[in-house]
Amino acid sequence: MAAAVPDPELPMLTLADLGVLAEVETDGAEVTAWLTPTYSGCPAVAEMAADVDRRLRAAGYRAVRVRLRLDPPWSTDLITAEGRRKLAEAGIAPPHPSTAAAGAAGAAGPRPVALTLGPTRTAAALPVPCPRCGGADTEELSRFGSTACKALWRCRACREPFERVKEI
């Protein structure tokens, strides 16, 4: 139910695909849904919460609470493989997974993670394939796209512009 709610800014993805739906706890006819927004000032949070509330009430829950969880913070590593596939199909280049996330694949349960402060990850180190033609000769035109979480790119091969979800 809550997992099927579409993201208001990326409607081809559900909140579960995007990794924003952090947890759902049920206790009989009561339910609490925890959302981790892509960033604390995300303007779509109120709409996401209202949509989750509406879906859960329609499913028969009498007491619905939608809470925000900012710790741990959201990361583009939370986007599921299905979410990355849907982004590419919609013509939006998905972010690269971090090397830490790739190395943690298959790790059992939560574990401490070393924190190294440094520059924000960018796509400069890895090629960004064009979601339209698959070409690797692409360039970033603007760090700012239609929403705060996207950048504007262009493929030099097919000359088509496309958006890309920024790594966080």
C-alpha atoms as a PDB file:
ATOM      1  CA  MET A   1       0.000   0.000   0.000  1.00  0.00           C
ATOM      2  CA  ALA A   2       2.419   2.691   1.177  1.00  0.00           C
ATOM      3  CA  ALA A   3       5.209   1.185  -0.936  1.00  0.00           C
ATOM      4  CA  ALA A   4       3.125   1.774  -4.084  1.00  0.00           C
ATOM      5  CA  VAL A   5       2.785   5.543  -3.559  1.00  0.00           C
ATOM      6  CA  PRO A   6       4.430   7.362  -6.494  1.00  0.00           C
ATOM      7  CA  ASP A   7       7.031  10.028  -5.853  1.00  0.00           C
ATOM      8  CA  PRO A   8       5.543  13.460  -6.690  1.00  0.00           C
ATOM      9  CA  GLU A   9       8.667  14.665  -8.522  1.00  0.00           C
ATOM     10  CA  LEU A  10       9.667  11.365 -10.154  1.00  0.00           C
ATOM     11  CA  PRO A  11       6.259   9.706 -10.702  1.00  0.00           C
ATOM     12  CA  MET A  12       7.757   6.744 -12.554  1.00  0.00           C
ATOM     13  CA  LEU A  13       9.162   5.675  -9.151  1.00  0.00           C
ATOM     14  CA  THR A  14       7.362   4.610  -6.023  1.00  0.00           C
ATOM     15  CA  LEU A  15       8.537   5.860  -2.636  1.00  0.00           C
ATOM     16  CA  ALA A  16       9.885   2.336  -2.083  1.00  0.00           C
ATOM     17  CA  ASP A  17      11.816   2.412  -5.402  1.00  0.00           C
ATOM     18  CA  LEU A  18      13.358   5.728  -4.383  1.00  0.00           C
ATOM     19  CA  GLY A  19      14.229   4.483  -0.890  1.00  0.00           C
ATOM     20  CA  VAL A  20      12.207   7.285   0.747  1.00  0.00           C
ATOM     21  CA  LEU A  21       9.798   4.885   2.466  1.00  0.00           C
ATOM     22  CA  ALA A  22      12.126   3.832   5.274  1.00  0.00           C
ATOM     23  CA  GLU A  23       9.827   1.628   7.331  1.00  0.00           C
ATOM     24  CA  VAL A  24       6.183   0.742   8.010  1.00  0.00           C
ATOM     25  CA  GLU A  25       5.163  -0.482  11.465  1.00  0.00           C
ATOM     26  CA  THR A  26       1.727  -2.006  12.064  1.00  0.00           C
ATOM     27  CA  ASP A  27      -0.064  -2.722  15.320  1.00  0.00           C
ATOM     28  CA  GLY A  28      -3.542  -4.044  14.598  1.00  0.00           C
ATOM     29  CA  ALA A  29      -5.543  -1.213  13.028  1.00  0.00           C
ATOM     30  CA  GLU A  30      -2.740   1.298  13.682  1.00  0.00           C
ATOM     31  CA  VAL A  31       0.148   1.994  11.341  1.00  0.00           C
ATOM     32  CA  THR A  32       3.192   4.266  11.365  1.00  0.00           C
ATOM     33  CA  ALA A  33       5.025   4.984   8.133  1.00  0.00           C
ATOM     34  CA  TRP A  34       8.527   6.460   8.312  1.00  0.00           C
ATOM     35  CA  LEU A  35       9.737   8.634   5.437  1.00  0.00           C
ATOM     36  CA  THR A  36      13.323   9.695   4.882  1.00  0.00           C
ATOM     37  CA  PRO A  37      13.188  12.624   2.442  1.00  0.00           C
ATOM     38  CA  THR A  38      15.906  13.049  -0.153  1.00  0.00           C
ATOM     39  CA  TYR A  39      16.960  16.158   1.755  1.00  0.00           C
ATOM     40  CA  SER A  40      15.521  17.914   4.810  1.00  0.00           C
ATOM     41  CA  GLY A  41      14.106  20.846   2.823  1.00  0.00           C
ATOM     42  CA  CYS A  42      12.443  18.707   0.151  1.00  0.00           C
ATOM     43  CA  PRO A  43       9.279  20.569  -0.942  1.00  0.00           C
ATOM     44  CA  ALA A  44       7.499  17.309  -1.811  1.00  0.00           C
ATOM     45  CA  VAL A  45       7.545  15.884   1.743  1.00  0.00           C
ATOM     46  CA  ALA A  46       4.076  17.166   2.662  1.00  0.00           C
ATOM     47  CA  GLU A  47       2.573  15.702  -0.505  1.00  0.00           C
ATOM     48  CA  MET A  48       4.349  12.357   0.047  1.00  0.00           C
ATOM     49  CA  ALA A  49       3.083  12.188   3.636  1.00  0.00           C
ATOM     50  CA  ALA A  50      -0.488  13.037   2.578  1.00  0.00           C
ATOM     51  CA  ASP A  51      -0.409  10.398  -0.185  1.00  0.00           C
ATOM     52  CA  VAL A  52       0.897   7.711   2.200  1.00  0.00           C
ATOM     53  CA  ASP A  53      -1.729   8.685   4.810  1.00  0.00           C
ATOM     54  CA  ARG A  54      -4.514   8.515   2.195  1.00  0.00           C
ATOM     55  CA  ARG A  55      -3.389   5.078   0.913  1.00  0.00           C
ATOM     56  CA  LEU A  56      -3.136   3.580   4.387  1.00  0.00           C
ATOM     57  CA  ARG A  57      -6.553   4.917   5.459  1.00  0.00           C
ATOM     58  CA  ALA A  58      -8.084   3.548   2.228  1.00  0.00           C
ATOM     59  CA  ALA A  59      -6.559   0.174   3.150  1.00  0.00           C
ATOM     60  CA  GLY A  60      -8.557   0.213   6.391  1.00  0.00           C
ATOM     61  CA  TYR A  61      -6.131   1.504   8.993  1.00  0.00           C
ATOM     62  CA  ARG A  62      -7.979   3.704  11.503  1.00  0.00           C
ATOM     63  CA  ALA A  63      -4.949   5.336  13.082  1.00  0.00           C
ATOM     64  CA  VAL A  64      -2.262   6.444  10.648  1.00  0.00           C
ATOM     65  CA  ARG A  65       0.909   8.298  11.535  1.00  0.00           C
ATOM     66  CA  VAL A  66       3.429   9.428   8.955  1.00  0.00           C
ATOM     67  CA  ARG A  67       6.720  10.444  10.515  1.00  0.00           C
ATOM     68  CA  LEU A  68       9.954  11.834   9.114  1.00  0.00           C
ATOM     69  CA  ARG A  69      13.258  10.140   9.812  1.00  0.00           C
ATOM     70  CA  LEU A  70      16.369  12.158   9.026  1.00  0.00           C
ATOM     71  CA  ASP A  71      18.879   9.798  10.624  1.00  0.00           C
ATOM     72  CA  PRO A  72      20.278   7.924   8.858  1.00  0.00           C
ATOM     73  CA  PRO A  73      20.025  10.430   6.015  1.00  0.00           C
ATOM     74  CA  TRP A  74      18.756   9.437   2.598  1.00  0.00           C
ATOM     75  CA  SER A  75      21.339   8.563  -0.036  1.00  0.00           C
ATOM     76  CA  THR A  76      21.049   7.769  -3.725  1.00  0.00           C
ATOM     77  CA  ASP A  77      22.389   4.341  -2.741  1.00  0.00           C
ATOM     78  CA  LEU A  78      18.878   3.641  -1.389  1.00  0.00           C
ATOM     79  CA  ILE A  79      17.383   3.721  -4.892  1.00  0.00           C
ATOM     80  CA  THR A  80      16.535   0.112  -5.725  1.00  0.00           C
ATOM     81  CA  ALA A  81      17.716  -1.701  -8.852  1.00  0.00           C
ATOM     82  CA  GLU A  82      14.116  -1.531 -10.075  1.00  0.00           C
ATOM     83  CA  GLY A  83      14.095   2.216  -9.403  1.00  0.00           C
ATOM     84  CA  ARG A  84      17.315   2.683 -11.372  1.00  0.00           C
ATOM     85  CA  ARG A  85      15.828   0.697 -14.254  1.00  0.00           C
ATOM     86  CA  LYS A  86      12.654   2.817 -14.222  1.00  0.00           C
ATOM     87  CA  LEU A  87      14.671   6.052 -14.208  1.00  0.00           C
ATOM     88  CA  ALA A  88      16.655   4.947 -17.254  1.00  0.00           C
ATOM     89  CA  GLU A  89      13.470   3.864 -19.062  1.00  0.00           C
ATOM     90  CA  ALA A  90      12.022   7.340 -18.403  1.00  0.00           C
ATOM     91  CA  GLY A  91      15.094   8.981 -19.945  1.00  0.00           C
ATOM     92  CA  ILE A  92      16.673  10.009 -16.632  1.00  0.00           C
ATOM     93  CA  ALA A  93      20.187   8.747 -15.983  1.00  0.00           C
ATOM     94  CA  PRO A  94      20.319   7.033 -12.585  1.00  0.00           C
ATOM     95  CA  PRO A  95      23.131   7.878 -10.171  1.00  0.00           C
ATOM     96  CA  HIS A  96      26.108   5.575  -9.843  1.00  0.00           C
ATOM     97  CA  PRO A  97      26.124   3.516  -6.645  1.00  0.00           C
ATOM     98  CA  SER A  98      28.890   4.414  -4.220  1.00  0.00           C
ATOM     99  CA  THR A  99      31.810   2.045  -3.879  1.00  0.00           C
ATOM    100  CA  ALA A 100      30.833   1.597  -0.216  1.00  0.00           C
ATOM    101  CA  ALA A 101      27.341   0.482  -1.247  1.00  0.00           C
ATOM    102  CA  ALA A 102      28.730  -1.871  -3.872  1.00  0.00           C
ATOM    103  CA  GLY A 103      31.086  -3.387  -1.310  1.00  0.00           C
ATOM    104  CA  ALA A 104      28.299  -3.728   1.259  1.00  0.00           C
ATOM    105  CA  ALA A 105      26.071  -5.744  -1.081  1.00  0.00           C
ATOM    106  CA  GLY A 106      25.178  -8.945   0.677  1.00  0.00           C
ATOM    107  CA  ALA A 107      26.439  -7.727   4.068  1.00  0.00           C
ATOM    108  CA  ALA A 108      24.320  -9.110   6.878  1.00  0.00           C
ATOM    109  CA  GLY A 109      22.495  -6.547   8.998  1.00  0.00           C
ATOM    110  CA  PRO A 110      23.442  -3.058  10.119  1.00  0.00           C
ATOM    111  CA  ARG A 111      27.081  -2.380  10.797  1.00  0.00           C
ATOM    112  CA  PRO A 112      29.212   0.648  11.663  1.00  0.00           C
ATOM    113  CA  VAL A 113      30.306   2.672   8.665  1.00  0.00           C
ATOM    114  CA  ALA A 114      33.444   4.795   8.684  1.00  0.00           C
ATOM    115  CA  LEU A 115      32.676   8.423   7.895  1.00  0.00           C
ATOM    116  CA  THR A 116      35.098  10.287   5.697  1.00  0.00           C
ATOM    117  CA  LEU A 117      34.231  13.897   5.019  1.00  0.00           C
ATOM    118  CA  GLY A 118      35.168  15.176   1.614  1.00  0.00           C
ATOM    119  CA  PRO A 119      33.709  16.558  -1.567  1.00  0.00           C
ATOM    120  CA  THR A 120      30.275  15.383  -2.654  1.00  0.00           C
ATOM    121  CA  ARG A 121      30.390  12.454  -5.037  1.00  0.00           C
ATOM    122  CA  THR A 122      30.072  13.528  -8.652  1.00  0.00           C
ATOM    123  CA  ALA A 123      29.738  11.685 -11.907  1.00  0.00           C
ATOM    124  CA  ALA A 124      33.034  13.109 -13.197  1.00  0.00           C
ATOM    125  CA  ALA A 125      34.943   9.958 -12.221  1.00  0.00           C
ATOM    126  CA  LEU A 126      32.640   7.554 -14.078  1.00  0.00           C
ATOM    127  CA  PRO A 127      31.009   7.849 -17.497  1.00  0.00           C
ATOM    128  CA  VAL A 128      27.304   8.668 -17.459  1.00  0.00           C
ATOM    129  CA  PRO A 129      25.628   6.613 -20.167  1.00  0.00           C
ATOM    130  CA  CYS A 130      22.915   8.322 -22.177  1.00  0.00           C
ATOM    131  CA  PRO A 131      19.536   6.849 -21.191  1.00  0.00           C
ATOM    132  CA  ARG A 132      18.292   7.354 -24.759  1.00  0.00           C
ATOM    133  CA  CYS A 133      21.043   5.822 -26.969  1.00  0.00           C
ATOM    134  CA  GLY A 134      23.402   4.283 -24.397  1.00  0.00           C
ATOM    135  CA  GLY A 135      26.354   6.365 -25.593  1.00  0.00           C
ATOM    136  CA  ALA A 136      29.080   7.134 -23.044  1.00  0.00           C
ATOM    137  CA  ASP A 137      30.171  10.480 -24.544  1.00  0.00           C
ATOM    138  CA  THR A 138      28.047  12.747 -22.337  1.00  0.00           C
ATOM    139  CA  GLU A 139      28.560  16.072 -20.618  1.00  0.00           C
ATOM    140  CA  GLU A 140      26.983  17.938 -17.749  1.00  0.00           C
ATOM    141  CA  LEU A 141      25.354  21.163 -18.960  1.00  0.00           C
ATOM    142  CA  SER A 142      24.066  22.414 -15.623  1.00  0.00           C
ATOM    143  CA  ARG A 143      24.422  21.146 -12.057  1.00  0.00           C
ATOM    144  CA  PHE A 144      20.824  22.276 -11.576  1.00  0.00           C
ATOM    145  CA  GLY A 145      17.869  20.587 -13.291  1.00  0.00           C
ATOM    146  CA  SER A 146      14.104  20.744 -12.907  1.00  0.00           C
ATOM    147  CA  THR A 147      14.378  19.723  -9.246  1.00  0.00           C
ATOM    148  CA  ALA A 148      17.159  20.094  -6.688  1.00  0.00           C
ATOM    149  CA  CYS A 149      18.080  16.415  -6.939  1.00  0.00           C
ATOM    150  CA  LYS A 150      18.664  16.427 -10.711  1.00  0.00           C
ATOM    151  CA  ALA A 151      21.277  17.887 -13.093  1.00  0.00           C
ATOM    152  CA  LEU A 152      20.988  18.584 -16.821  1.00  0.00           C
ATOM    153  CA  TRP A 153      23.207  16.535 -19.158  1.00  0.00           C
ATOM    154  CA  ARG A 154      23.604  16.088 -22.919  1.00  0.00           C
ATOM    155  CA  CYS A 155      24.744  13.183 -25.066  1.00  0.00           C
ATOM    156  CA  ARG A 156      27.306  14.170 -27.672  1.00  0.00           C
ATOM    157  CA  ALA A 157      26.433  11.129 -29.816  1.00  0.00           C
ATOM    158  CA  CYS A 158      22.656  11.585 -30.217  1.00  0.00           C
ATOM    159  CA  ARG A 159      22.704  15.287 -29.146  1.00  0.00           C
ATOM    160  CA  GLU A 160      19.738  14.708 -26.828  1.00  0.00           C
ATOM    161  CA  PRO A 161      19.574  16.432 -23.444  1.00  0.00           C
ATOM    162  CA  PHE A 162      18.594  14.354 -20.418  1.00  0.00           C
ATOM    163  CA  GLU A 163      18.291  14.728 -16.675  1.00  0.00           C
ATOM    164  CA  ARG A 164      20.373  12.782 -14.208  1.00  0.00           C
ATOM    165  CA  VAL A 165      19.749  12.119 -10.527  1.00  0.00           C
ATOM    166  CA  LYS A 166      22.703  13.540  -8.571  1.00  0.00           C
ATOM    167  CA  GLU A 167      24.630  11.287  -6.219  1.00  0.00           C
ATOM    168  CA  ILE A 168      24.132  12.123  -2.569  1.00  0.00           C
END
